[in-house]
Every structure is written in structure tokens, then in C-alpha cells.
PDB file of all heavy atoms in Angstrom:
ATOM      1  N   LEU A   1       0.821  -1.210   0.000  1.00  0.00           N
ATOM      2  CA  LEU A   1       0.000   0.000   0.000  1.00  0.00           C
ATOM      3  C   LEU A   1       0.858   1.264   0.000  1.00  0.00           C
ATOM      4  O   LEU A   1       0.565   2.227  -0.710  1.00  0.00           O
ATOM      5  CB  LEU A   1      -0.925  -0.001   1.217  1.00  0.00           C
ATOM      6  CG  LEU A   1      -2.204  -0.840   1.122  1.00  0.00           C
ATOM      7  CD1 LEU A   1      -2.892  -0.889   2.471  1.00  0.00           C
ATOM      8  CD2 LEU A   1      -3.137  -0.275   0.068  1.00  0.00           C
ATOM      9  N   LEU A   2       1.915   1.253   0.789  1.00  0.00           N
ATOM     10  CA  LEU A   2       2.777   2.427   0.852  1.00  0.00           C
ATOM     11  C   LEU A   2       3.515   2.638  -0.472  1.00  0.00           C
ATOM     12  O   LEU A   2       3.646   3.770  -0.944  1.00  0.00           O
ATOM     13  CB  LEU A   2       3.775   2.268   2.007  1.00  0.00           C
ATOM     14  CG  LEU A   2       3.170   2.377   3.408  1.00  0.00           C
ATOM     15  CD1 LEU A   2       4.172   1.922   4.456  1.00  0.00           C
ATOM     16  CD2 LEU A   2       2.706   3.802   3.701  1.00  0.00           C
ATOM     17  N   ALA A   3       3.991   1.545  -1.079  1.00  0.00           N
ATOM     18  CA  ALA A   3       4.669   1.657  -2.369  1.00  0.00           C
ATOM     19  C   ALA A   3       3.727   2.211  -3.422  1.00  0.00           C
ATOM     20  O   ALA A   3       4.112   3.057  -4.251  1.00  0.00           O
ATOM     21  CB  ALA A   3       5.211   0.285  -2.792  1.00  0.00           C
ATOM     22  N   GLU A   4       2.472   1.761  -3.427  1.00  0.00           N
ATOM     23  CA  GLU A   4       1.484   2.262  -4.378  1.00  0.00           C
ATOM     24  C   GLU A   4       1.192   3.733  -4.119  1.00  0.00           C
ATOM     25  O   GLU A   4       1.038   4.526  -5.053  1.00  0.00           O
ATOM     26  CB  GLU A   4       0.203   1.427  -4.279  1.00  0.00           C
ATOM     27  CG  GLU A   4       0.360   0.012  -4.810  1.00  0.00           C
ATOM     28  CD  GLU A   4      -0.859  -0.850  -4.564  1.00  0.00           C
ATOM     29  OE1 GLU A   4      -1.658  -0.489  -3.668  1.00  0.00           O
ATOM     30  OE2 GLU A   4      -1.019  -1.863  -5.248  1.00  0.00           O
ATOM     31  N   PHE A   5       1.114   4.091  -2.856  1.00  0.00           N
ATOM     32  CA  PHE A   5       0.820   5.486  -2.503  1.00  0.00           C
ATOM     33  C   PHE A   5       1.922   6.417  -3.002  1.00  0.00           C
ATOM     34  O   PHE A   5       1.655   7.490  -3.558  1.00  0.00           O
ATOM     35  CB  PHE A   5       0.663   5.613  -0.992  1.00  0.00           C
ATOM     36  CG  PHE A   5       0.409   7.010  -0.508  1.00  0.00           C
ATOM     37  CD1 PHE A   5      -0.860   7.570  -0.581  1.00  0.00           C
ATOM     38  CD2 PHE A   5       1.439   7.768   0.025  1.00  0.00           C
ATOM     39  CE1 PHE A   5      -1.089   8.868  -0.139  1.00  0.00           C
ATOM     40  CE2 PHE A   5       1.218   9.064   0.462  1.00  0.00           C
ATOM     41  CZ  PHE A   5      -0.051   9.617   0.380  1.00  0.00           C
ATOM     42  N   PHE A   6       3.183   5.996  -2.813  1.00  0.00           N
ATOM     43  CA  PHE A   6       4.299   6.851  -3.208  1.00  0.00           C
ATOM     44  C   PHE A   6       4.693   6.675  -4.675  1.00  0.00           C
ATOM     45  O   PHE A   6       5.460   7.473  -5.205  1.00  0.00           O
ATOM     46  CB  PHE A   6       5.515   6.562  -2.321  1.00  0.00           C
ATOM     47  CG  PHE A   6       5.369   7.044  -0.903  1.00  0.00           C
ATOM     48  CD1 PHE A   6       5.390   6.143   0.149  1.00  0.00           C
ATOM     49  CD2 PHE A   6       5.212   8.392  -0.625  1.00  0.00           C
ATOM     50  CE1 PHE A   6       5.255   6.580   1.457  1.00  0.00           C
ATOM     51  CE2 PHE A   6       5.081   8.844   0.683  1.00  0.00           C
ATOM     52  CZ  PHE A   6       5.096   7.939   1.730  1.00  0.00           C
ATOM     53  N   GLY A   7       4.184   5.617  -5.333  1.00  0.00           N
ATOM     54  CA  GLY A   7       4.547   5.370  -6.717  1.00  0.00           C
ATOM     55  C   GLY A   7       5.978   4.894  -6.870  1.00  0.00           C
ATOM     56  O   GLY A   7       6.677   5.286  -7.805  1.00  0.00           O
ATOM     57  N   VAL A   8       6.427   4.036  -5.923  1.00  0.00           N
ATOM     58  CA  VAL A   8       7.791   3.511  -5.977  1.00  0.00           C
ATOM     59  C   VAL A   8       7.753   1.991  -5.981  1.00  0.00           C
ATOM     60  O   VAL A   8       6.712   1.373  -5.737  1.00  0.00           O
ATOM     61  CB  VAL A   8       8.635   4.006  -4.783  1.00  0.00           C
ATOM     62  CG1 VAL A   8       8.726   5.532  -4.785  1.00  0.00           C
ATOM     63  CG2 VAL A   8       8.064   3.508  -3.452  1.00  0.00           C
ATOM     64  N   ASP A   9       8.899   1.381  -6.246  1.00  0.00           N
ATOM     65  CA  ASP A   9       9.020  -0.068  -6.185  1.00  0.00           C
ATOM     66  C   ASP A   9       9.045  -0.510  -4.729  1.00  0.00           C
ATOM     67  O   ASP A   9       9.614   0.162  -3.861  1.00  0.00           O
ATOM     68  CB  ASP A   9      10.300  -0.507  -6.901  1.00  0.00           C
ATOM     69  CG  ASP A   9      10.341  -2.001  -7.123  1.00  0.00           C
ATOM     70  OD1 ASP A   9      10.663  -2.723  -6.164  1.00  0.00           O
ATOM     71  OD2 ASP A   9      10.040  -2.441  -8.247  1.00  0.00           O
ATOM     72  N   GLU A  10       8.437  -1.649  -4.453  1.00  0.00           N
ATOM     73  CA  GLU A  10       8.410  -2.172  -3.077  1.00  0.00           C
ATOM     74  C   GLU A  10       9.803  -2.407  -2.521  1.00  0.00           C
ATOM     75  O   GLU A  10      10.001  -2.403  -1.301  1.00  0.00           O
ATOM     76  CB  GLU A  10       7.616  -3.483  -3.016  1.00  0.00           C
ATOM     77  CG  GLU A  10       6.112  -3.298  -3.025  1.00  0.00           C
ATOM     78  CD  GLU A  10       5.405  -4.609  -2.753  1.00  0.00           C
ATOM     79  OE1 GLU A  10       5.686  -5.234  -1.717  1.00  0.00           O
ATOM     80  OE2 GLU A  10       4.573  -5.008  -3.588  1.00  0.00           O
ATOM     81  N   SER A  11      10.783  -2.650  -3.392  1.00  0.00           N
ATOM     82  CA  SER A  11      12.140  -2.914  -2.922  1.00  0.00           C
ATOM     83  C   SER A  11      12.716  -1.725  -2.161  1.00  0.00           C
ATOM     84  O   SER A  11      13.586  -1.882  -1.304  1.00  0.00           O
ATOM     85  CB  SER A  11      13.054  -3.282  -4.093  1.00  0.00           C
ATOM     86  OG  SER A  11      13.147  -2.198  -5.006  1.00  0.00           O
ATOM     87  N   GLU A  12      12.215  -0.529  -2.452  1.00  0.00           N
ATOM     88  CA  GLU A  12      12.687   0.658  -1.734  1.00  0.00           C
ATOM     89  C   GLU A  12      12.219   0.660  -0.284  1.00  0.00           C
ATOM     90  O   GLU A  12      12.762   1.388   0.551  1.00  0.00           O
ATOM     91  CB  GLU A  12      12.225   1.935  -2.434  1.00  0.00           C
ATOM     92  CG  GLU A  12      12.813   2.113  -3.830  1.00  0.00           C
ATOM     93  CD  GLU A  12      12.552   3.487  -4.408  1.00  0.00           C
ATOM     94  OE1 GLU A  12      12.573   4.469  -3.630  1.00  0.00           O
ATOM     95  OE2 GLU A  12      12.312   3.581  -5.629  1.00  0.00           O
ATOM     96  N   LEU A  13      11.215  -0.147   0.018  1.00  0.00           N
ATOM     97  CA  LEU A  13      10.674  -0.221   1.377  1.00  0.00           C
ATOM     98  C   LEU A  13      10.936  -1.575   2.023  1.00  0.00           C
ATOM     99  O   LEU A  13      10.270  -1.949   2.980  1.00  0.00           O
ATOM    100  CB  LEU A  13       9.170   0.087   1.355  1.00  0.00           C
ATOM    101  CG  LEU A  13       8.800   1.490   0.872  1.00  0.00           C
ATOM    102  CD1 LEU A  13       7.291   1.645   0.773  1.00  0.00           C
ATOM    103  CD2 LEU A  13       9.376   2.546   1.811  1.00  0.00           C
ATOM    104  N   GLY A  14      11.892  -2.308   1.477  1.00  0.00           N
ATOM    105  CA  GLY A  14      12.335  -3.518   2.150  1.00  0.00           C
ATOM    106  C   GLY A  14      12.000  -4.825   1.489  1.00  0.00           C
ATOM    107  O   GLY A  14      12.379  -5.880   1.997  1.00  0.00           O
ATOM    108  N   ALA A  15      11.295  -4.817   0.341  1.00  0.00           N
ATOM    109  CA  ALA A  15      10.946  -6.077  -0.326  1.00  0.00           C
ATOM    110  C   ALA A  15      12.132  -6.601  -1.108  1.00  0.00           C
ATOM    111  O   ALA A  15      12.966  -5.832  -1.588  1.00  0.00           O
ATOM    112  CB  ALA A  15       9.765  -5.873  -1.264  1.00  0.00           C
ATOM    113  N   ASN A  16      12.205  -7.931  -1.257  1.00  0.00           N
ATOM    114  CA  ASN A  16      13.181  -8.510  -2.164  1.00  0.00           C
ATOM    115  C   ASN A  16      12.821  -8.104  -3.572  1.00  0.00           C
ATOM    116  O   ASN A  16      11.661  -8.121  -3.959  1.00  0.00           O
ATOM    117  CB  ASN A  16      13.179 -10.034  -2.052  1.00  0.00           C
ATOM    118  CG  ASN A  16      13.718 -10.500  -0.713  1.00  0.00           C
ATOM    119  OD1 ASN A  16      14.555  -9.831  -0.107  1.00  0.00           O
ATOM    120  ND2 ASN A  16      13.226 -11.636  -0.244  1.00  0.00           N
ATOM    121  N   LYS A  17      13.823  -7.769  -4.365  1.00  0.00           N
ATOM    122  CA  LYS A  17      13.576  -7.253  -5.713  1.00  0.00           C
ATOM    123  C   LYS A  17      12.757  -8.221  -6.553  1.00  0.00           C
ATOM    124  O   LYS A  17      11.838  -7.828  -7.271  1.00  0.00           O
ATOM    125  CB  LYS A  17      14.915  -6.982  -6.408  1.00  0.00           C
ATOM    126  CG  LYS A  17      14.786  -6.375  -7.800  1.00  0.00           C
ATOM    127  CD  LYS A  17      14.177  -4.994  -7.739  1.00  0.00           C
ATOM    128  CE  LYS A  17      14.134  -4.367  -9.131  1.00  0.00           C
ATOM    129  NZ  LYS A  17      13.514  -3.037  -9.127  1.00  0.00           N
ATOM    130  N   GLU A  18      13.046  -9.532  -6.421  1.00  0.00           N
ATOM    131  CA  GLU A  18      12.350 -10.492  -7.265  1.00  0.00           C
ATOM    132  C   GLU A  18      10.898 -10.664  -6.872  1.00  0.00           C
ATOM    133  O   GLU A  18      10.090 -11.191  -7.625  1.00  0.00           O
ATOM    134  CB  GLU A  18      13.053 -11.855  -7.212  1.00  0.00           C
ATOM    135  CG  GLU A  18      13.126 -12.484  -5.829  1.00  0.00           C
ATOM    136  CD  GLU A  18      14.376 -12.058  -5.066  1.00  0.00           C
ATOM    137  OE1 GLU A  18      14.986 -11.031  -5.457  1.00  0.00           O
ATOM    138  OE2 GLU A  18      14.739 -12.740  -4.092  1.00  0.00           O
ATOM    139  N   LYS A  19      10.518 -10.211  -5.666  1.00  0.00           N
ATOM    140  CA  LYS A  19       9.142 -10.347  -5.219  1.00  0.00           C
ATOM    141  C   LYS A  19       8.372  -9.046  -5.320  1.00  0.00           C
ATOM    142  O   LYS A  19       7.195  -8.985  -5.003  1.00  0.00           O
ATOM    143  CB  LYS A  19       9.109 -10.841  -3.764  1.00  0.00           C
ATOM    144  CG  LYS A  19       9.631 -12.252  -3.585  1.00  0.00           C
ATOM    145  CD  LYS A  19       9.473 -12.697  -2.151  1.00  0.00           C
ATOM    146  CE  LYS A  19       9.956 -14.134  -1.960  1.00  0.00           C
ATOM    147  NZ  LYS A  19       9.826 -14.584  -0.558  1.00  0.00           N
ATOM    148  N   SER A  20       9.048  -7.998  -5.740  1.00  0.00           N
ATOM    149  CA  SER A  20       8.377  -6.703  -5.813  1.00  0.00           C
ATOM    150  C   SER A  20       7.935  -6.427  -7.230  1.00  0.00           C
ATOM    151  O   SER A  20       8.159  -7.211  -8.140  1.00  0.00           O
ATOM    152  CB  SER A  20       9.319  -5.584  -5.331  1.00  0.00           C
ATOM    153  OG  SER A  20      10.412  -5.446  -6.215  1.00  0.00           O
ATOM    154  N   TYR A  21       7.272  -5.322  -7.424  1.00  0.00           N
ATOM    155  CA  TYR A  21       6.825  -4.930  -8.745  1.00  0.00           C
ATOM    156  C   TYR A  21       7.037  -3.441  -8.899  1.00  0.00           C
ATOM    157  O   TYR A  21       7.217  -2.716  -7.928  1.00  0.00           O
ATOM    158  CB  TYR A  21       5.350  -5.268  -8.958  1.00  0.00           C
ATOM    159  CG  TYR A  21       4.429  -4.526  -8.016  1.00  0.00           C
ATOM    160  CD1 TYR A  21       3.866  -3.313  -8.384  1.00  0.00           C
ATOM    161  CD2 TYR A  21       4.143  -5.027  -6.742  1.00  0.00           C
ATOM    162  CE1 TYR A  21       3.039  -2.622  -7.528  1.00  0.00           C
ATOM    163  CE2 TYR A  21       3.318  -4.328  -5.882  1.00  0.00           C
ATOM    164  CZ  TYR A  21       2.776  -3.129  -6.279  1.00  0.00           C
ATOM    165  OH  TYR A  21       1.964  -2.454  -5.413  1.00  0.00           O
ATOM    166  N   ASN A  22       7.038  -2.977 -10.111  1.00  0.00           N
ATOM    167  CA  ASN A  22       7.225  -1.554 -10.377  1.00  0.00           C
ATOM    168  C   ASN A  22       5.893  -0.853 -10.275  1.00  0.00           C
ATOM    169  O   ASN A  22       5.049  -0.989 -11.156  1.00  0.00           O
ATOM    170  CB  ASN A  22       7.832  -1.339 -11.773  1.00  0.00           C
ATOM    171  CG  ASN A  22       9.261  -1.852 -11.826  1.00  0.00           C
ATOM    172  OD1 ASN A  22      10.022  -1.649 -10.889  1.00  0.00           O
ATOM    173  ND2 ASN A  22       9.608  -2.522 -12.911  1.00  0.00           N
ATOM    174  N   ALA A  23       5.716  -0.144  -9.196  1.00  0.00           N
ATOM    175  CA  ALA A  23       4.457   0.576  -9.016  1.00  0.00           C
ATOM    176  C   ALA A  23       4.438   1.780  -9.941  1.00  0.00           C
ATOM    177  O   ALA A  23       5.442   2.454 -10.139  1.00  0.00           O
ATOM    178  CB  ALA A  23       4.315   1.026  -7.563  1.00  0.00           C
ATOM    179  N   SER A  24       3.297   2.056 -10.507  1.00  0.00           N
ATOM    180  CA  SER A  24       3.157   3.217 -11.367  1.00  0.00           C
ATOM    181  C   SER A  24       2.166   4.170 -10.737  1.00  0.00           C
ATOM    182  O   SER A  24       1.268   3.750 -10.002  1.00  0.00           O
ATOM    183  CB  SER A  24       2.658   2.799 -12.749  1.00  0.00           C
ATOM    184  OG  SER A  24       1.431   2.108 -12.636  1.00  0.00           O
ATOM    185  N   PRO A  25       2.311   5.465 -10.996  1.00  0.00           N
ATOM    186  CA  PRO A  25       1.369   6.426 -10.419  1.00  0.00           C
ATOM    187  C   PRO A  25      -0.056   6.067 -10.809  1.00  0.00           C
ATOM    188  O   PRO A  25      -0.340   5.716 -11.936  1.00  0.00           O
ATOM    189  CB  PRO A  25       1.817   7.758 -11.044  1.00  0.00           C
ATOM    190  CG  PRO A  25       3.260   7.543 -11.390  1.00  0.00           C
ATOM    191  CD  PRO A  25       3.357   6.094 -11.800  1.00  0.00           C
ATOM    192  N   SER A  26      -0.952   6.148  -9.871  1.00  0.00           N
ATOM    193  CA  SER A  26      -2.345   5.797 -10.111  1.00  0.00           C
ATOM    194  C   SER A  26      -3.195   6.510  -9.089  1.00  0.00           C
ATOM    195  O   SER A  26      -2.710   7.342  -8.324  1.00  0.00           O
ATOM    196  CB  SER A  26      -2.540   4.285  -9.976  1.00  0.00           C
ATOM    197  OG  SER A  26      -2.336   3.898  -8.627  1.00  0.00           O
ATOM    198  N   LEU A  27      -4.467   6.144  -9.056  1.00  0.00           N
ATOM    199  CA  LEU A  27      -5.347   6.731  -8.048  1.00  0.00           C
ATOM    200  C   LEU A  27      -4.884   6.402  -6.651  1.00  0.00           C
ATOM    201  O   LEU A  27      -5.195   7.093  -5.695  1.00  0.00           O
ATOM    202  CB  LEU A  27      -6.778   6.226  -8.269  1.00  0.00           C
ATOM    203  CG  LEU A  27      -7.491   6.781  -9.499  1.00  0.00           C
ATOM    204  CD1 LEU A  27      -8.870   6.141  -9.623  1.00  0.00           C
ATOM    205  CD2 LEU A  27      -7.616   8.286  -9.447  1.00  0.00           C
ATOM    206  N   LEU A  28      -4.098   5.289  -6.503  1.00  0.00           N
ATOM    207  CA  LEU A  28      -3.621   4.919  -5.180  1.00  0.00           C
ATOM    208  C   LEU A  28      -2.626   5.949  -4.653  1.00  0.00           C
ATOM    209  O   LEU A  28      -2.347   5.986  -3.468  1.00  0.00           O
ATOM    210  CB  LEU A  28      -2.979   3.536  -5.228  1.00  0.00           C
ATOM    211  CG  LEU A  28      -3.942   2.387  -5.505  1.00  0.00           C
ATOM    212  CD1 LEU A  28      -3.161   1.087  -5.665  1.00  0.00           C
ATOM    213  CD2 LEU A  28      -4.950   2.251  -4.389  1.00  0.00           C
ATOM    214  N   ALA A  29      -2.060   6.759  -5.529  1.00  0.00           N
ATOM    215  CA  ALA A  29      -1.122   7.779  -5.099  1.00  0.00           C
ATOM    216  C   ALA A  29      -1.830   9.072  -4.711  1.00  0.00           C
ATOM    217  O   ALA A  29      -1.204  10.043  -4.363  1.00  0.00           O
ATOM    218  CB  ALA A  29      -0.108   8.062  -6.203  1.00  0.00           C
ATOM    219  N   ASP A  30      -3.125   9.076  -4.762  1.00  0.00           N
ATOM    220  CA  ASP A  30      -3.929  10.234  -4.372  1.00  0.00           C
ATOM    221  C   ASP A  30      -3.789  10.454  -2.879  1.00  0.00           C
ATOM    222  O   ASP A  30      -3.959   9.532  -2.086  1.00  0.00           O
ATOM    223  CB  ASP A  30      -5.394   9.967  -4.736  1.00  0.00           C
ATOM    224  CG  ASP A  30      -6.279  11.175  -4.471  1.00  0.00           C
ATOM    225  OD1 ASP A  30      -5.827  12.158  -3.855  1.00  0.00           O
ATOM    226  OD2 ASP A  30      -7.439  11.114  -4.882  1.00  0.00           O
ATOM    227  N   GLU A  31      -3.475  11.660  -2.451  1.00  0.00           N
ATOM    228  CA  GLU A  31      -3.325  11.934  -1.031  1.00  0.00           C
ATOM    229  C   GLU A  31      -4.639  11.735  -0.288  1.00  0.00           C
ATOM    230  O   GLU A  31      -4.662  11.631   0.927  1.00  0.00           O
ATOM    231  CB  GLU A  31      -2.806  13.362  -0.824  1.00  0.00           C
ATOM    232  CG  GLU A  31      -1.361  13.548  -1.261  1.00  0.00           C
ATOM    233  CD  GLU A  31      -0.834  14.905  -0.894  1.00  0.00           C
ATOM    234  OE1 GLU A  31      -1.512  15.638  -0.144  1.00  0.00           O
ATOM    235  OE2 GLU A  31       0.263  15.248  -1.354  1.00  0.00           O
ATOM    236  N   ASP A  32      -5.758  11.693  -1.027  1.00  0.00           N
ATOM    237  CA  ASP A  32      -7.067  11.521  -0.403  1.00  0.00           C
ATOM    238  C   ASP A  32      -7.495  10.066  -0.391  1.00  0.00           C
ATOM    239  O   ASP A  32      -8.636   9.743  -0.126  1.00  0.00           O
ATOM    240  CB  ASP A  32      -8.104  12.358  -1.164  1.00  0.00           C
ATOM    241  CG  ASP A  32      -9.291  12.720  -0.287  1.00  0.00           C
ATOM    242  OD1 ASP A  32      -9.151  12.639   0.945  1.00  0.00           O
ATOM    243  OD2 ASP A  32     -10.345  13.054  -0.828  1.00  0.00           O
ATOM    244  N   PHE A  33      -6.570   9.166  -0.677  1.00  0.00           N
ATOM    245  CA  PHE A  33      -6.848   7.738  -0.642  1.00  0.00           C
ATOM    246  C   PHE A  33      -6.997   7.286   0.803  1.00  0.00           C
ATOM    247  O   PHE A  33      -6.205   7.644   1.673  1.00  0.00           O
ATOM    248  CB  PHE A  33      -5.687   7.008  -1.336  1.00  0.00           C
ATOM    249  CG  PHE A  33      -5.688   5.529  -1.164  1.00  0.00           C
ATOM    250  CD1 PHE A  33      -6.513   4.733  -1.922  1.00  0.00           C
ATOM    251  CD2 PHE A  33      -4.825   4.924  -0.274  1.00  0.00           C
ATOM    252  CE1 PHE A  33      -6.498   3.357  -1.782  1.00  0.00           C
ATOM    253  CE2 PHE A  33      -4.791   3.556  -0.121  1.00  0.00           C
ATOM    254  CZ  PHE A  33      -5.636   2.774  -0.883  1.00  0.00           C
ATOM    255  N   VAL A  34      -8.038   6.492   1.081  1.00  0.00           N
ATOM    256  CA  VAL A  34      -8.294   5.997   2.432  1.00  0.00           C
ATOM    257  C   VAL A  34      -8.337   4.475   2.413  1.00  0.00           C
ATOM    258  O   VAL A  34      -8.995   3.881   1.559  1.00  0.00           O
ATOM    259  CB  VAL A  34      -9.632   6.545   2.978  1.00  0.00           C
ATOM    260  CG1 VAL A  34      -9.919   5.976   4.365  1.00  0.00           C
ATOM    261  CG2 VAL A  34      -9.599   8.061   3.033  1.00  0.00           C
ATOM    262  N   ALA A  35      -7.616   3.853   3.326  1.00  0.00           N
ATOM    263  CA  ALA A  35      -7.596   2.395   3.423  1.00  0.00           C
ATOM    264  C   ALA A  35      -8.622   1.938   4.458  1.00  0.00           C
ATOM    265  O   ALA A  35      -8.599   2.374   5.606  1.00  0.00           O
ATOM    266  CB  ALA A  35      -6.208   1.906   3.818  1.00  0.00           C
TER     267      ALA A  35
END
């Protein structure tokens, strides 16, 4: 969720590279997104 919010790869937040994905900017990066 945090990677999607910031539009970064999960590996930047501690995931193994092979298990992460390249997050792309989307509605999840909206500051008004509520979980």
C-alpha cells in the first residue's frame, strides 16, 4: 500500500527485488486515498 501510494518499487521499502513490482502512479497515489 505504501509503495502504491508513493509510486515507488516495493524494494525501496524492504521487499526482495524479485518479489516486488514496479508501481506506477495511479489513483492509489492520491493523497485523499483511504484504506
